[in-house]
Amino acid sequence: MTPHLYVIDLGRCTGCRTCEVACRDRAHLGEGLAWLRVETTEAGQYPHPRVVHRVVHCFHCAQAPCIAACPTEALVRDALGLVQVVGERCVRCGACVEACPFGAIALGDEGPATKCDGCADELAQGWEPTCVRACPMRALRYVEEPAWAPPPRRVLDESFGPQAVGPAVRYLKRPGAEGG
């Protein structure tokens, strides 16, 4: 299977949270659990302040620290290269939650650890992930890694998270923005 990337265009994201709602609905997540979140920060200074929105979910890292941290091998990489939770192996120790540098794994009140599954069932049917399909601004994309390159005159934002773990995500900076 060809490796894929999530490409998130910070110049297109308006912070509408449609991706959050679509993900929560698809996964039937209860209150307090989220596999995807939109973080909003203020940037710039008067007279040119701005708000920056950043979509954050499991990045299915190449060197996923959650997999290494799990004492029961409840986190595994599937045939598509996505990091998955094998619920019946999870003992709720929280090691994966602590190990994830992106805060993408949660423990609810009961049941196994939970996280973005990359919409593996939808990918198997040839669809894009739910969050990508739901975005009205087309700020999210799911692309083949070797074939993808940033658009001309667009800069990658490498400031988010530890790149050493190989997250399968690339953020495009807002055009003309310093620091994303």
C-alpha atoms as a PDB file:
ATOM      1  CA  MET A   1       0.000   0.000   0.000  1.00  0.00           C
ATOM      2  CA  THR A   2       1.320   3.442  -0.914  1.00  0.00           C
ATOM      3  CA  PRO A   3       1.857   5.671   2.154  1.00  0.00           C
ATOM      4  CA  HIS A   4      -0.584   8.531   2.459  1.00  0.00           C
ATOM      5  CA  LEU A   5      -0.512  11.967   4.104  1.00  0.00           C
ATOM      6  CA  TYR A   6      -3.102  14.274   5.552  1.00  0.00           C
ATOM      7  CA  VAL A   7      -2.509  17.736   4.092  1.00  0.00           C
ATOM      8  CA  ILE A   8      -4.092  20.542   6.075  1.00  0.00           C
ATOM      9  CA  ASP A   9      -4.160  23.996   4.497  1.00  0.00           C
ATOM     10  CA  LEU A  10      -4.070  26.588   7.281  1.00  0.00           C
ATOM     11  CA  GLY A  11      -4.939  29.269   4.734  1.00  0.00           C
ATOM     12  CA  ARG A  12      -8.265  27.603   3.950  1.00  0.00           C
ATOM     13  CA  CYS A  13      -9.350  26.449   7.423  1.00  0.00           C
ATOM     14  CA  THR A  14     -11.913  28.843   8.903  1.00  0.00           C
ATOM     15  CA  GLY A  15     -12.344  26.952  12.170  1.00  0.00           C
ATOM     16  CA  CYS A  16     -15.933  25.966  11.364  1.00  0.00           C
ATOM     17  CA  ARG A  17     -15.425  22.589  13.102  1.00  0.00           C
ATOM     18  CA  THR A  18     -17.468  20.701  10.504  1.00  0.00           C
ATOM     19  CA  CYS A  19     -14.696  18.085  10.441  1.00  0.00           C
ATOM     20  CA  GLU A  20     -15.039  17.656  14.241  1.00  0.00           C
ATOM     21  CA  VAL A  21     -18.792  17.157  14.031  1.00  0.00           C
ATOM     22  CA  ALA A  22     -18.551  14.757  11.084  1.00  0.00           C
ATOM     23  CA  CYS A  23     -15.864  12.690  12.829  1.00  0.00           C
ATOM     24  CA  ARG A  24     -17.794  12.539  16.104  1.00  0.00           C
ATOM     25  CA  ASP A  25     -20.959  11.496  14.245  1.00  0.00           C
ATOM     26  CA  ARG A  26     -19.227   8.845  12.116  1.00  0.00           C
ATOM     27  CA  ALA A  27     -17.481   7.298  15.132  1.00  0.00           C
ATOM     28  CA  HIS A  28     -20.538   7.544  17.407  1.00  0.00           C
ATOM     29  CA  LEU A  29     -18.422   9.220  20.076  1.00  0.00           C
ATOM     30  CA  GLY A  30     -20.036  10.174  23.336  1.00  0.00           C
ATOM     31  CA  GLU A  31     -19.734  13.496  25.085  1.00  0.00           C
ATOM     32  CA  GLY A  32     -16.174  14.301  26.098  1.00  0.00           C
ATOM     33  CA  LEU A  33     -14.484  12.060  23.513  1.00  0.00           C
ATOM     34  CA  ALA A  34     -13.012  13.470  20.332  1.00  0.00           C
ATOM     35  CA  TRP A  35     -10.818  11.867  17.711  1.00  0.00           C
ATOM     36  CA  LEU A  36     -10.300  15.175  15.919  1.00  0.00           C
ATOM     37  CA  ARG A  37     -10.163  18.702  17.293  1.00  0.00           C
ATOM     38  CA  VAL A  38      -9.676  22.162  15.867  1.00  0.00           C
ATOM     39  CA  GLU A  39      -7.247  24.230  17.920  1.00  0.00           C
ATOM     40  CA  THR A  40      -7.612  27.984  17.629  1.00  0.00           C
ATOM     41  CA  THR A  41      -4.843  30.434  18.504  1.00  0.00           C
ATOM     42  CA  GLU A  42      -4.353  34.143  18.094  1.00  0.00           C
ATOM     43  CA  ALA A  43      -1.382  35.368  16.093  1.00  0.00           C
ATOM     44  CA  GLY A  44       0.024  38.629  14.823  1.00  0.00           C
ATOM     45  CA  GLN A  45      -0.173  42.006  16.480  1.00  0.00           C
ATOM     46  CA  TYR A  46      -2.306  45.097  16.190  1.00  0.00           C
ATOM     47  CA  PRO A  47      -3.108  46.422  13.661  1.00  0.00           C
ATOM     48  CA  HIS A  48      -2.869  43.015  11.941  1.00  0.00           C
ATOM     49  CA  PRO A  49      -4.082  40.365  14.366  1.00  0.00           C
ATOM     50  CA  ARG A  50      -5.359  37.064  13.048  1.00  0.00           C
ATOM     51  CA  VAL A  51      -6.778  33.803  14.271  1.00  0.00           C
ATOM     52  CA  VAL A  52      -5.163  30.532  13.203  1.00  0.00           C
ATOM     53  CA  HIS A  53      -7.041  27.235  13.229  1.00  0.00           C
ATOM     54  CA  ARG A  54      -5.222  23.900  13.215  1.00  0.00           C
ATOM     55  CA  VAL A  55      -6.899  20.506  12.753  1.00  0.00           C
ATOM     56  CA  VAL A  56      -5.350  17.893  15.062  1.00  0.00           C
ATOM     57  CA  HIS A  57      -6.036  14.149  15.092  1.00  0.00           C
ATOM     58  CA  CYS A  58      -3.988  10.957  15.094  1.00  0.00           C
ATOM     59  CA  PHE A  59      -1.247  11.366  12.529  1.00  0.00           C
ATOM     60  CA  HIS A  60      -0.540   7.620  12.199  1.00  0.00           C
ATOM     61  CA  CYS A  61       3.168   8.325  12.739  1.00  0.00           C
ATOM     62  CA  ALA A  62       5.853   6.259  11.033  1.00  0.00           C
ATOM     63  CA  GLN A  63       7.621   5.774  14.392  1.00  0.00           C
ATOM     64  CA  ALA A  64       4.445   5.861  16.496  1.00  0.00           C
ATOM     65  CA  PRO A  65       5.449   6.262  20.159  1.00  0.00           C
ATOM     66  CA  CYS A  66       2.037   4.973  21.255  1.00  0.00           C
ATOM     67  CA  ILE A  67       2.763   1.569  19.692  1.00  0.00           C
ATOM     68  CA  ALA A  68       6.114   1.336  21.474  1.00  0.00           C
ATOM     69  CA  ALA A  69       4.616   2.431  24.813  1.00  0.00           C
ATOM     70  CA  CYS A  70       1.746  -0.066  24.903  1.00  0.00           C
ATOM     71  CA  PRO A  71       2.610  -3.015  27.179  1.00  0.00           C
ATOM     72  CA  THR A  72      -0.127  -5.263  25.739  1.00  0.00           C
ATOM     73  CA  GLU A  73       0.357  -4.582  22.013  1.00  0.00           C
ATOM     74  CA  ALA A  74      -3.105  -3.043  21.836  1.00  0.00           C
ATOM     75  CA  LEU A  75      -1.878  -0.473  19.303  1.00  0.00           C
ATOM     76  CA  VAL A  76      -0.896  -1.902  15.941  1.00  0.00           C
ATOM     77  CA  ARG A  77      -0.336  -0.769  12.384  1.00  0.00           C
ATOM     78  CA  ASP A  78      -2.880  -2.153   9.916  1.00  0.00           C
ATOM     79  CA  ALA A  79      -2.415  -3.101   6.254  1.00  0.00           C
ATOM     80  CA  LEU A  80      -3.108   0.503   5.204  1.00  0.00           C
ATOM     81  CA  GLY A  81      -0.345   1.791   7.508  1.00  0.00           C
ATOM     82  CA  LEU A  82      -2.832   3.295   9.978  1.00  0.00           C
ATOM     83  CA  VAL A  83      -2.320   2.969  13.733  1.00  0.00           C
ATOM     84  CA  GLN A  84      -5.287   1.117  15.245  1.00  0.00           C
ATOM     85  CA  VAL A  85      -6.452   0.149  18.744  1.00  0.00           C
ATOM     86  CA  VAL A  86      -7.198  -3.543  19.310  1.00  0.00           C
ATOM     87  CA  GLY A  87      -9.796  -3.008  22.022  1.00  0.00           C
ATOM     88  CA  GLU A  88      -9.747  -6.463  23.562  1.00  0.00           C
ATOM     89  CA  ARG A  89      -6.009  -6.128  24.276  1.00  0.00           C
ATOM     90  CA  CYS A  90      -6.291  -2.701  25.941  1.00  0.00           C
ATOM     91  CA  VAL A  91      -5.926  -2.723  29.749  1.00  0.00           C
ATOM     92  CA  ARG A  92      -6.573   1.056  30.078  1.00  0.00           C
ATOM     93  CA  CYS A  93      -3.122   1.749  31.564  1.00  0.00           C
ATOM     94  CA  GLY A  94      -2.860   5.099  29.762  1.00  0.00           C
ATOM     95  CA  ALA A  95       0.699   4.537  28.501  1.00  0.00           C
ATOM     96  CA  CYS A  96      -0.367   5.333  24.933  1.00  0.00           C
ATOM     97  CA  VAL A  97      -2.102   8.535  26.046  1.00  0.00           C
ATOM     98  CA  GLU A  98       1.082   9.711  27.751  1.00  0.00           C
ATOM     99  CA  ALA A  99       3.295   8.697  24.825  1.00  0.00           C
ATOM    100  CA  CYS A 100       1.325  10.458  22.066  1.00  0.00           C
ATOM    101  CA  PRO A 101       2.967  13.845  21.364  1.00  0.00           C
ATOM    102  CA  PHE A 102      -0.212  15.110  19.680  1.00  0.00           C
ATOM    103  CA  GLY A 103      -2.758  14.348  22.411  1.00  0.00           C
ATOM    104  CA  ALA A 104      -4.653  12.182  19.940  1.00  0.00           C
ATOM    105  CA  ILE A 105      -5.527   9.217  22.189  1.00  0.00           C
ATOM    106  CA  ALA A 106      -8.217   9.331  24.867  1.00  0.00           C
ATOM    107  CA  LEU A 107      -9.497   7.140  27.649  1.00  0.00           C
ATOM    108  CA  GLY A 108     -13.221   7.530  28.207  1.00  0.00           C
ATOM    109  CA  ASP A 109     -15.056   6.599  31.378  1.00  0.00           C
ATOM    110  CA  GLU A 110     -15.046   2.966  30.301  1.00  0.00           C
ATOM    111  CA  GLY A 111     -13.817   0.759  27.490  1.00  0.00           C
ATOM    112  CA  PRO A 112     -10.478   0.690  25.711  1.00  0.00           C
ATOM    113  CA  ALA A 113      -8.372   3.641  24.623  1.00  0.00           C
ATOM    114  CA  THR A 114      -9.876   5.377  21.621  1.00  0.00           C
ATOM    115  CA  LYS A 115      -8.429   7.374  18.733  1.00  0.00           C
ATOM    116  CA  CYS A 116      -8.817   8.257  15.078  1.00  0.00           C
ATOM    117  CA  ASP A 117      -8.901   5.084  13.023  1.00  0.00           C
ATOM    118  CA  GLY A 118      -8.174   6.947   9.780  1.00  0.00           C
ATOM    119  CA  CYS A 119     -11.605   5.901   8.504  1.00  0.00           C
ATOM    120  CA  ALA A 120     -10.014   2.599   7.422  1.00  0.00           C
ATOM    121  CA  ASP A 121     -13.416   1.139   6.560  1.00  0.00           C
ATOM    122  CA  GLU A 122     -14.136   4.062   4.243  1.00  0.00           C
ATOM    123  CA  LEU A 123     -10.671   3.988   2.682  1.00  0.00           C
ATOM    124  CA  ALA A 124     -11.217   0.286   1.911  1.00  0.00           C
ATOM    125  CA  GLN A 125     -14.303   1.316  -0.095  1.00  0.00           C
ATOM    126  CA  GLY A 126     -12.286   3.883  -2.061  1.00  0.00           C
ATOM    127  CA  TRP A 127     -13.621   6.902  -0.178  1.00  0.00           C
ATOM    128  CA  GLU A 128     -11.645   9.705   1.430  1.00  0.00           C
ATOM    129  CA  PRO A 129     -11.733  10.008   5.247  1.00  0.00           C
ATOM    130  CA  THR A 130     -14.881  11.577   6.705  1.00  0.00           C
ATOM    131  CA  CYS A 131     -13.088  14.737   7.887  1.00  0.00           C
ATOM    132  CA  VAL A 132     -11.736  15.352   4.379  1.00  0.00           C
ATOM    133  CA  ARG A 133     -15.120  14.846   2.710  1.00  0.00           C
ATOM    134  CA  ALA A 134     -16.888  17.047   5.281  1.00  0.00           C
ATOM    135  CA  CYS A 135     -14.645  20.125   5.012  1.00  0.00           C
ATOM    136  CA  PRO A 136     -16.601  22.845   3.179  1.00  0.00           C
ATOM    137  CA  MET A 137     -13.428  24.884   2.543  1.00  0.00           C
ATOM    138  CA  ARG A 138     -11.453  21.902   1.203  1.00  0.00           C
ATOM    139  CA  ALA A 139      -8.739  22.621   3.789  1.00  0.00           C
ATOM    140  CA  LEU A 140      -8.157  18.899   4.405  1.00  0.00           C
ATOM    141  CA  ARG A 141      -6.814  16.453   1.859  1.00  0.00           C
ATOM    142  CA  TYR A 142      -5.681  12.827   1.956  1.00  0.00           C
ATOM    143  CA  VAL A 143      -3.006  12.235  -0.681  1.00  0.00           C
ATOM    144  CA  GLU A 144      -0.415   9.662  -1.734  1.00  0.00           C
ATOM    145  CA  GLU A 145       2.833  10.662  -0.052  1.00  0.00           C
ATOM    146  CA  PRO A 146       5.350  10.105  -2.857  1.00  0.00           C
ATOM    147  CA  ALA A 147       3.210  11.938  -5.419  1.00  0.00           C
ATOM    148  CA  TRP A 148       2.429  14.991  -3.269  1.00  0.00           C
ATOM    149  CA  ALA A 149       4.387  18.242  -3.275  1.00  0.00           C
ATOM    150  CA  PRO A 150       3.423  21.641  -1.842  1.00  0.00           C
ATOM    151  CA  PRO A 151       1.759  23.954  -4.349  1.00  0.00           C
ATOM    152  CA  PRO A 152       3.957  26.662  -5.876  1.00  0.00           C
ATOM    153  CA  ARG A 153       4.691  29.565  -3.501  1.00  0.00           C
ATOM    154  CA  ARG A 154       3.265  27.653  -0.521  1.00  0.00           C
ATOM    155  CA  VAL A 155       5.393  26.903   2.518  1.00  0.00           C
ATOM    156  CA  LEU A 156       5.118  23.928   4.856  1.00  0.00           C
ATOM    157  CA  ASP A 157       4.548  24.736   8.526  1.00  0.00           C
ATOM    158  CA  GLU A 158       6.993  22.517  10.383  1.00  0.00           C
ATOM    159  CA  SER A 159       6.449  24.169  13.766  1.00  0.00           C
ATOM    160  CA  PHE A 160       3.765  21.773  14.976  1.00  0.00           C
ATOM    161  CA  GLY A 161       4.802  18.759  16.974  1.00  0.00           C
ATOM    162  CA  PRO A 162       7.837  16.544  16.942  1.00  0.00           C
ATOM    163  CA  GLN A 163       8.741  15.716  13.386  1.00  0.00           C
ATOM    164  CA  ALA A 164      11.099  12.933  14.565  1.00  0.00           C
ATOM    165  CA  VAL A 165       8.171  10.509  14.941  1.00  0.00           C
ATOM    166  CA  GLY A 166       7.241  10.881  11.280  1.00  0.00           C
ATOM    167  CA  PRO A 167       3.668  12.165  11.473  1.00  0.00           C
ATOM    168  CA  ALA A 168       1.694  11.469   8.301  1.00  0.00           C
ATOM    169  CA  VAL A 169       0.502  15.077   8.122  1.00  0.00           C
ATOM    170  CA  ARG A 170       1.721  18.223   6.442  1.00  0.00           C
ATOM    171  CA  TYR A 171       0.434  21.681   7.250  1.00  0.00           C
ATOM    172  CA  LEU A 172       0.543  24.395   4.608  1.00  0.00           C
ATOM    173  CA  LYS A 173       1.106  27.851   6.085  1.00  0.00           C
ATOM    174  CA  ARG A 174      -1.392  30.578   5.383  1.00  0.00           C
ATOM    175  CA  PRO A 175       0.023  32.566   2.426  1.00  0.00           C
ATOM    176  CA  GLY A 176       2.053  35.511   3.702  1.00  0.00           C
ATOM    177  CA  ALA A 177       1.811  34.406   7.349  1.00  0.00           C
ATOM    178  CA  GLU A 178       4.791  34.220   9.637  1.00  0.00           C
ATOM    179  CA  GLY A 179       4.642  31.147  11.876  1.00  0.00           C
ATOM    180  CA  GLY A 180       1.506  29.682  10.283  1.00  0.00           C
END
